[in-house]
Protein backbone atom coordinates (compact mmCIF):
# COMPACT_ATOMS: atom_id res chain seq x y z
CA MET A 1 0.00 0.00 0.00
CA PHE A 2 2.83 2.39 0.86
CA ASP A 3 4.46 1.96 -2.56
CA LYS A 4 1.16 2.93 -4.16
CA LEU A 5 0.82 5.96 -1.87
CA ILE A 6 4.34 7.12 -2.69
CA GLU A 7 3.48 6.86 -6.40
CA VAL A 8 0.31 8.90 -5.86
CA GLU A 9 2.21 11.58 -3.94
CA SER A 10 4.88 11.75 -6.65
CA ARG A 11 2.23 12.16 -9.34
CA TYR A 12 0.51 14.85 -7.25
CA GLU A 13 3.74 16.87 -7.11
CA GLN A 14 4.29 16.36 -10.84
CA VAL A 15 0.80 17.62 -11.68
CA ASN A 16 1.35 20.67 -9.48
CA LEU A 17 4.50 21.48 -11.40
CA GLU A 18 2.81 21.00 -14.78
CA LEU A 19 0.04 23.40 -13.79
CA GLN A 20 2.66 26.11 -13.26
CA ASN A 21 3.81 25.75 -16.87
CA PRO A 22 2.51 28.69 -18.99
CA GLU A 23 2.06 26.37 -21.97
CA VAL A 24 -0.34 24.21 -19.95
CA THR A 25 -2.44 27.16 -18.81
CA GLN A 26 -2.90 28.19 -22.44
CA ASP A 27 -4.20 24.72 -23.35
CA GLN A 28 -7.60 24.77 -21.63
CA LYS A 29 -8.42 21.13 -22.32
CA ARG A 30 -5.15 19.92 -20.83
CA TYR A 31 -5.42 22.42 -17.97
CA ARG A 32 -8.91 21.23 -17.01
CA GLY A 33 -7.78 17.60 -17.18
CA LEU A 34 -4.82 18.26 -14.87
CA MET A 35 -6.99 20.23 -12.43
CA LYS A 36 -9.42 17.34 -12.23
CA GLU A 37 -6.56 14.89 -11.69
CA LEU A 38 -5.16 17.12 -8.96
CA ALA A 39 -8.54 17.25 -7.23
CA ASP A 40 -8.77 13.44 -7.37
CA LEU A 41 -5.25 12.95 -5.99
CA GLN A 42 -5.38 15.56 -3.25
CA PRO A 43 -7.55 13.70 -0.69
CA VAL A 44 -5.25 10.67 -0.91
CA VAL A 45 -2.09 12.74 -0.55
CA LEU A 46 -3.40 14.79 2.39
CA ALA A 47 -4.55 11.65 4.21
CA PHE A 48 -1.19 9.96 3.54
CA ARG A 49 0.78 12.93 4.84
CA ARG A 50 -1.33 13.11 7.96
CA PHE A 51 -0.90 9.34 8.38
CA ARG A 52 2.90 9.67 8.26
CA SER A 53 2.79 12.56 10.73
CA VAL A 54 0.69 10.50 13.16
CA GLU A 55 3.08 7.55 12.83
CA GLN A 56 6.01 9.81 13.72
CA GLN A 57 4.14 11.20 16.73
CA ILE A 58 3.37 7.65 17.87
CA ARG A 59 7.08 6.79 17.70
CA ASP A 60 7.98 9.96 19.63
CA ASN A 61 5.49 9.20 22.40
CA LYS A 62 6.65 5.59 22.65
CA THR A 63 10.21 6.89 23.06
CA ILE A 64 9.07 9.12 25.92
CA LEU A 65 7.35 6.19 27.63
CA GLU A 66 10.46 4.04 27.28
CA ASN A 67 13.04 6.63 28.35
CA GLU A 68 11.37 9.36 30.41
CA SER A 69 11.31 9.11 34.19
CA ASP A 70 8.99 12.07 34.81
CA ASP A 71 5.56 10.63 35.69
CA ASP A 72 3.64 13.69 34.43
CA LEU A 73 5.34 13.55 31.01
CA ARG A 74 4.76 9.83 30.83
CA GLN A 75 1.07 10.31 31.60
CA LEU A 76 0.73 12.98 28.89
CA ALA A 77 2.53 10.76 26.41
CA LYS A 78 0.24 7.85 27.27
CA GLU A 79 -2.90 9.96 26.74
CA ASP A 80 -1.57 11.28 23.42
CA LEU A 81 -0.66 7.77 22.34
CA ASN A 82 -4.22 6.53 22.87
CA GLN A 83 -5.65 9.36 20.73
CA LEU A 84 -2.99 8.93 18.06
CA THR A 85 -3.60 5.18 17.85
CA ASP A 86 -7.30 5.79 17.21
CA GLU A 87 -6.49 8.36 14.53
CA HIS A 88 -3.95 6.00 12.98
CA GLU A 89 -6.61 3.31 12.57
CA ARG A 90 -9.13 5.80 11.17
CA LEU A 91 -6.64 7.17 8.63
CA SER A 92 -5.61 3.67 7.60
CA SER A 93 -9.25 2.78 6.81
CA GLU A 94 -9.79 6.09 5.03
CA ILE A 95 -6.72 5.62 2.83
CA LYS A 96 -7.76 2.10 1.86
CA LEU A 97 -11.10 3.45 0.65
CA LEU A 98 -9.43 6.31 -1.21
CA LEU A 99 -7.18 3.85 -3.04
CA LEU A 100 -10.06 1.73 -4.32
CA PRO A 101 -10.43 1.78 -8.13
CA LYS A 102 -12.85 4.55 -8.99
CA ASP A 103 -16.02 4.03 -10.97
CA PRO A 104 -15.51 6.20 -14.08
CA ASN A 105 -19.15 7.26 -13.83
CA ASP A 106 -19.02 8.46 -10.21
CA ASP A 107 -18.62 12.13 -11.13
CA LYS A 108 -21.44 12.07 -13.67
CA ASN A 109 -24.94 13.46 -13.48
CA ILE A 110 -27.76 10.95 -13.80
CA ILE A 111 -31.03 10.16 -15.51
CA LEU A 112 -33.46 8.90 -12.85
CA GLU A 113 -36.34 6.72 -14.07
CA ILE A 114 -39.12 5.56 -11.74
CA ARG A 115 -41.98 3.35 -12.93
CA SER A 116 -44.94 1.78 -11.17
CA GLY A 117 -44.77 -2.02 -11.09
CA ALA A 118 -47.09 -4.50 -9.42
CA GLY A 119 -49.93 -3.01 -7.42
CA GLY A 120 -51.92 -0.80 -9.77
CA ASP A 121 -52.91 2.62 -8.48
CA GLU A 122 -51.07 2.16 -5.19
CA ALA A 123 -47.83 1.55 -7.11
CA SER A 124 -48.35 4.77 -9.08
CA LEU A 125 -48.91 6.73 -5.88
CA PHE A 126 -45.75 5.34 -4.30
CA ALA A 127 -43.77 6.09 -7.47
CA SER A 128 -44.77 9.72 -7.05
CA GLU A 129 -43.87 9.74 -3.34
CA LEU A 130 -40.51 8.11 -4.01
CA PHE A 131 -39.73 10.66 -6.72
CA THR A 132 -40.60 13.48 -4.30
CA ALA A 133 -38.34 11.92 -1.65
CA TYR A 134 -35.42 11.72 -4.09
CA THR A 135 -36.08 15.33 -5.11
CA HIS A 136 -35.88 16.48 -1.47
CA TYR A 137 -32.67 14.50 -1.02
CA ALA A 138 -31.20 16.05 -4.17
CA ASN A 139 -32.07 19.52 -2.90
CA SER A 140 -30.37 18.78 0.42
CA GLN A 141 -27.21 17.84 -1.52
CA GLY A 142 -27.30 21.05 -3.55
CA TRP A 143 -28.16 19.19 -6.74
CA LYS A 144 -30.51 20.34 -9.50
CA VAL A 145 -33.50 18.24 -10.55
CA ASP A 146 -34.98 18.72 -14.01
CA LEU A 147 -38.21 16.88 -14.82
CA MET A 148 -37.94 15.38 -18.29
CA SER A 149 -41.06 13.30 -18.72
CA ALA A 150 -44.01 12.18 -16.59
CA SER A 151 -47.00 9.93 -17.20
CA GLU A 152 -49.78 10.17 -14.62
CA GLY A 153 -51.57 7.17 -13.13
CA ASN A 154 -55.33 6.67 -13.14
CA ALA A 155 -55.71 7.70 -9.48
CA GLY A 156 -52.86 10.19 -9.37
CA GLY A 157 -49.19 9.57 -8.90
CA PHE A 158 -46.97 8.46 -11.78
CA ARG A 159 -46.98 5.43 -14.01
CA GLU A 160 -43.59 6.73 -15.14
CA VAL A 161 -41.45 9.72 -14.25
CA ILE A 162 -38.02 10.58 -15.71
CA ALA A 163 -35.75 13.35 -14.48
CA SER A 164 -32.14 14.45 -14.79
CA ILE A 165 -30.23 15.21 -11.60
CA SER A 166 -27.06 17.25 -11.87
CA GLY A 167 -24.49 18.25 -9.28
CA ASP A 168 -21.41 17.01 -7.46
CA LYS A 169 -20.87 13.23 -7.66
CA VAL A 170 -24.57 12.44 -8.14
CA PHE A 171 -24.04 8.97 -9.63
CA SER A 172 -21.65 7.96 -6.83
CA LYS A 173 -24.38 8.61 -4.26
CA LEU A 174 -27.39 7.18 -6.12
CA LYS A 175 -25.99 4.34 -8.24
CA PHE A 176 -27.08 1.65 -5.76
CA GLU A 177 -30.72 2.83 -5.86
CA SER A 178 -31.41 0.90 -9.08
CA GLY A 179 -33.79 -2.01 -8.63
CA VAL A 180 -37.24 -2.90 -7.35
CA HIS A 181 -38.54 -0.96 -4.34
CA ARG A 182 -41.40 -2.65 -2.50
CA VAL A 183 -43.96 -0.80 -0.37
CA GLN A 184 -46.22 -2.38 2.25
CA ARG A 185 -49.05 -0.25 3.65
CA VAL A 186 -52.83 0.19 3.87
CA PRO A 187 -54.02 2.11 0.78
CA LYS A 188 -56.35 5.06 1.30
CA THR A 189 -59.00 3.20 -0.71
CA GLU A 190 -58.78 0.08 1.51
CA THR A 191 -61.89 -0.03 3.71
CA GLN A 192 -60.98 -3.13 5.76
CA GLY A 193 -57.53 -1.98 6.83
CA ARG A 194 -55.63 -4.69 4.94
CA ILE A 195 -51.97 -4.16 4.12
CA HIS A 196 -51.20 -4.23 0.40
CA THR A 197 -47.85 -4.87 -1.25
CA SER A 198 -46.86 -2.90 -4.34
CA THR A 199 -43.65 -2.27 -6.25
CA VAL A 200 -41.95 0.44 -8.25
CA THR A 201 -38.80 0.10 -10.34
CA VAL A 202 -35.95 2.59 -10.18
CA ALA A 203 -33.20 2.94 -12.78
CA VAL A 204 -30.23 5.26 -12.21
CA LEU A 205 -28.32 5.87 -15.44
CA PRO A 206 -25.11 7.90 -15.71
CA GLU A 207 -25.83 10.81 -18.00
CA ALA A 208 -24.08 10.32 -21.32
CA GLU A 209 -22.56 12.89 -23.60
CA GLU A 210 -22.75 12.51 -27.37
CA ILE A 211 -19.05 11.65 -27.37
CA ASP A 212 -19.74 8.67 -25.08
CA VAL A 213 -22.15 7.03 -27.53
CA GLN A 214 -21.90 7.17 -31.29
CA ILE A 215 -25.33 7.17 -32.94
CA ASN A 216 -25.93 7.23 -36.66
CA PRO A 217 -28.63 9.87 -37.32
CA ASN A 218 -30.13 7.48 -39.86
CA ASP A 219 -30.81 5.05 -36.99
CA LEU A 220 -33.15 7.54 -35.32
CA LYS A 221 -36.84 7.87 -36.03
CA ILE A 222 -38.26 11.10 -34.61
CA ASP A 223 -42.02 11.67 -34.39
CA VAL A 224 -43.87 14.71 -33.07
CA PHE A 225 -47.40 14.69 -31.74
CA ARG A 226 -49.79 16.56 -29.51
CA SER A 227 -49.06 16.31 -25.80
CA GLY A 228 -51.62 14.65 -23.56
CA GLY A 229 -52.58 15.26 -19.96
CA ALA A 230 -52.50 18.41 -17.90
CA GLY A 231 -50.34 21.33 -18.96
CA GLY A 232 -50.24 24.95 -20.00
CA GLN A 233 -52.43 26.42 -22.69
CA SER A 234 -50.07 25.37 -25.48
CA VAL A 235 -48.80 22.07 -24.09
CA ASN A 236 -51.69 19.97 -25.33
CA THR A 237 -52.78 22.13 -28.26
CA THR A 238 -49.61 22.01 -30.37
CA ASP A 239 -47.43 19.21 -31.73
CA SER A 240 -44.75 19.75 -29.10
CA ALA A 241 -44.34 16.19 -27.81
CA VAL A 242 -41.43 14.19 -29.23
CA ARG A 243 -40.94 10.45 -29.62
CA VAL A 244 -37.42 9.26 -30.46
CA THR A 245 -36.90 5.65 -31.53
CA HIS A 246 -33.44 4.12 -31.88
CA LEU A 247 -34.17 1.60 -34.63
CA PRO A 248 -31.28 -0.88 -34.07
CA THR A 249 -32.21 -1.41 -30.40
CA THR A 250 -35.91 -0.39 -30.62
CA THR A 251 -35.29 1.91 -27.63
CA VAL A 252 -38.11 4.47 -27.41
CA VAL A 253 -38.04 7.74 -25.46
CA ILE A 254 -40.98 10.14 -25.22
CA CYS A 255 -40.74 13.67 -23.82
CA GLN A 256 -43.70 16.01 -23.64
CA ASP A 257 -43.15 18.02 -20.48
CA GLU A 258 -41.98 21.19 -22.25
CA LYS A 259 -44.07 23.49 -24.44
CA SER A 260 -41.19 23.65 -26.91
CA GLN A 261 -40.71 20.83 -29.39
CA ILE A 262 -37.00 21.67 -29.53
CA LYS A 263 -36.61 21.34 -25.75
CA ASN A 264 -38.53 18.06 -25.70
CA LYS A 265 -36.33 16.70 -28.47
CA SER A 266 -33.17 17.72 -26.59
CA LYS A 267 -34.39 16.02 -23.41
CA ALA A 268 -35.43 12.87 -25.26
CA LEU A 269 -32.02 12.57 -26.90
CA LYS A 270 -30.30 13.04 -23.54
CA VAL A 271 -32.30 10.15 -22.08
CA LEU A 272 -31.65 8.02 -25.18
CA TYR A 273 -27.89 8.57 -25.03
CA SER A 274 -27.85 7.62 -21.34
CA ARG A 275 -29.89 4.46 -21.88
CA LEU A 276 -27.68 3.33 -24.73
CA LEU A 277 -24.51 4.08 -22.75
CA ALA A 278 -25.84 2.09 -19.80
CA ALA A 279 -26.66 -0.80 -22.10
CA GLU A 280 -23.16 -0.74 -23.62
CA GLN A 281 -21.50 -0.68 -20.18
CA GLU A 282 -23.68 -3.50 -18.91
CA LYS A 283 -22.96 -5.56 -22.00
CA ALA A 284 -19.23 -5.12 -21.46
CA ILE A 285 -19.52 -6.28 -17.86
CA LYS A 286 -22.18 -8.98 -18.07
CA ASN A 287 -22.42 -9.63 -21.80
CA ALA A 288 -26.02 -8.47 -21.62
CA SER A 289 -27.78 -6.22 -24.13
CA ASP A 290 -30.07 -4.22 -21.85
CA ALA A 291 -28.68 -2.47 -18.77
CA ARG A 292 -32.05 -1.12 -17.74
CA LEU A 293 -33.61 -4.59 -17.52
CA ALA A 294 -30.59 -5.79 -15.56
CA GLN A 295 -31.12 -2.92 -13.13
CA ILE A 296 -34.85 -3.10 -12.57
CA GLY A 297 -35.89 -6.69 -13.34
CA THR A 298 -39.52 -7.29 -14.20
CA GLY A 299 -41.10 -5.38 -11.34
CA ASP A 300 -42.40 -8.54 -9.72
CA ARG A 301 -42.89 -8.36 -5.94
CA SER A 302 -40.23 -11.00 -5.31
CA GLU A 303 -37.49 -9.04 -7.11
CA ARG A 304 -36.76 -6.31 -4.61
CA ILE A 305 -33.76 -4.52 -3.23
CA ARG A 306 -35.64 -2.65 -0.54
CA THR A 307 -38.94 -2.77 1.36
CA TYR A 308 -40.72 0.25 2.81
CA ASN A 309 -43.10 -0.95 5.55
CA PHE A 310 -45.31 1.95 6.63
CA PRO A 311 -47.27 0.26 9.48
CA GLN A 312 -43.97 -0.55 11.24
CA SER A 313 -42.19 2.61 10.05
CA ARG A 314 -39.22 0.60 8.83
CA ILE A 315 -37.08 0.25 5.74
CA THR A 316 -35.15 -2.93 4.98
CA ASP A 317 -32.43 -3.13 2.37
CA HIS A 318 -32.35 -6.80 1.40
CA ARG A 319 -28.93 -6.67 -0.27
CA ILE A 320 -27.11 -5.77 2.91
CA GLY A 321 -29.55 -7.12 5.51
CA VAL A 322 -30.00 -3.76 7.24
CA THR A 323 -33.26 -2.46 8.72
CA ILE A 324 -33.77 1.11 9.92
CA HIS A 325 -36.81 2.74 11.51
CA GLN A 326 -36.49 6.24 10.05
CA LEU A 327 -39.04 5.72 7.27
CA ASP A 328 -40.71 9.12 7.75
CA GLN A 329 -37.36 10.91 7.59
CA VAL A 330 -36.27 9.00 4.46
CA MET A 331 -39.54 9.72 2.68
CA GLY A 332 -38.99 13.35 3.64
CA GLY A 333 -35.70 13.31 1.78
CA ALA A 334 -33.19 12.08 4.39
CA PHE A 335 -32.03 9.20 2.19
CA GLU A 336 -28.60 9.24 3.81
CA TYR A 337 -30.09 7.02 6.56
CA ILE A 338 -30.23 4.11 4.10
CA ILE A 339 -27.93 5.20 1.24
CA ASP A 340 -24.82 5.60 3.44
CA PRO A 341 -24.97 2.05 4.89
CA VAL A 342 -25.43 0.63 1.38
CA ILE A 343 -22.41 2.54 0.05
CA ALA A 344 -20.34 1.46 3.07
CA TYR A 345 -21.34 -2.18 2.49
CA PHE A 346 -20.33 -2.21 -1.17
CA GLN A 347 -17.08 -0.41 -0.36
CA ALA A 348 -16.32 -3.10 2.22
CA GLU A 349 -17.07 -5.78 -0.38
CA GLN A 350 -14.75 -4.05 -2.81
CA LEU A 351 -12.00 -3.95 -0.17
CA LYS A 352 -12.55 -7.65 0.47
CA ASN A 353 -12.29 -8.45 -3.24
CA GLN A 354 -9.10 -6.39 -3.43
CA GLY A 355 -7.68 -8.51 -0.61
CA VAL A 356 -7.31 -5.48 1.67
């Protein structure tokens, strides 16, 4: 590990020197790349330097305990040694995490897709509530949420809602939210107080740029039509809605939230690029052709990553075997209660696989 840390520190110093070169500052593309690399290296280097400083202080205090006869100095050294040992262990764990191979998508914005699954109207209502909860969480993180497309259910809520979320390291925080989310509660329409089980599917796709996915314009079929549902005076009276079909994969994206056909087309293409990128990445990893299906399954009640039980005010994440009882807070946007343990679990698994 120390050899790797020394390499990282050496590269950090080299990047710093390159950034002082006038030729680099005039090349904006290279300059931005080096600044990003510096930002990625800095947390590792700072933690490593603090780690070395703590190790030296531990050695100094051990020397005092071994050689000093003054009881007061020995007592102070002993107290410092206890604190330094704790910090040494914390820094060691922190550095191991920092050295883990980074997901190339972690810094990307995302396309969030939520769809009602099993459970009819109750599933649509929960899809809406879950989207609202994610929106509150995004706001608490300083992220921006942009609604791209929404299809209302028969009794309210959403059959489908798609949004882009942009900000700092969005994908790194939300990438483990993909899958089937199950809700257990008594619907408002239930007269006998019986608990119903419904599901919604969530897909979190790293937002793709055009350079990430090459699409032949001839492979796209673009249709315009009149928007349906509620909207402003021109939303459902003009041909502003856009349907984009990628013919080779039969991937279809519809956007009709904006009054402008141009804006709807731009949003639809953004979703399409992200879906195709996700499919390509999943195919490379699992030799599968559809990343979205791999993420969300069929929506059946048995295929779930998480259960939200309202009568008992609990949330269980079935992947990591953790149950918390802060359901109201999570549905209010405090997703860190369940997201942070999930991230910690998968980081621990990654450390285990790395043999650390």
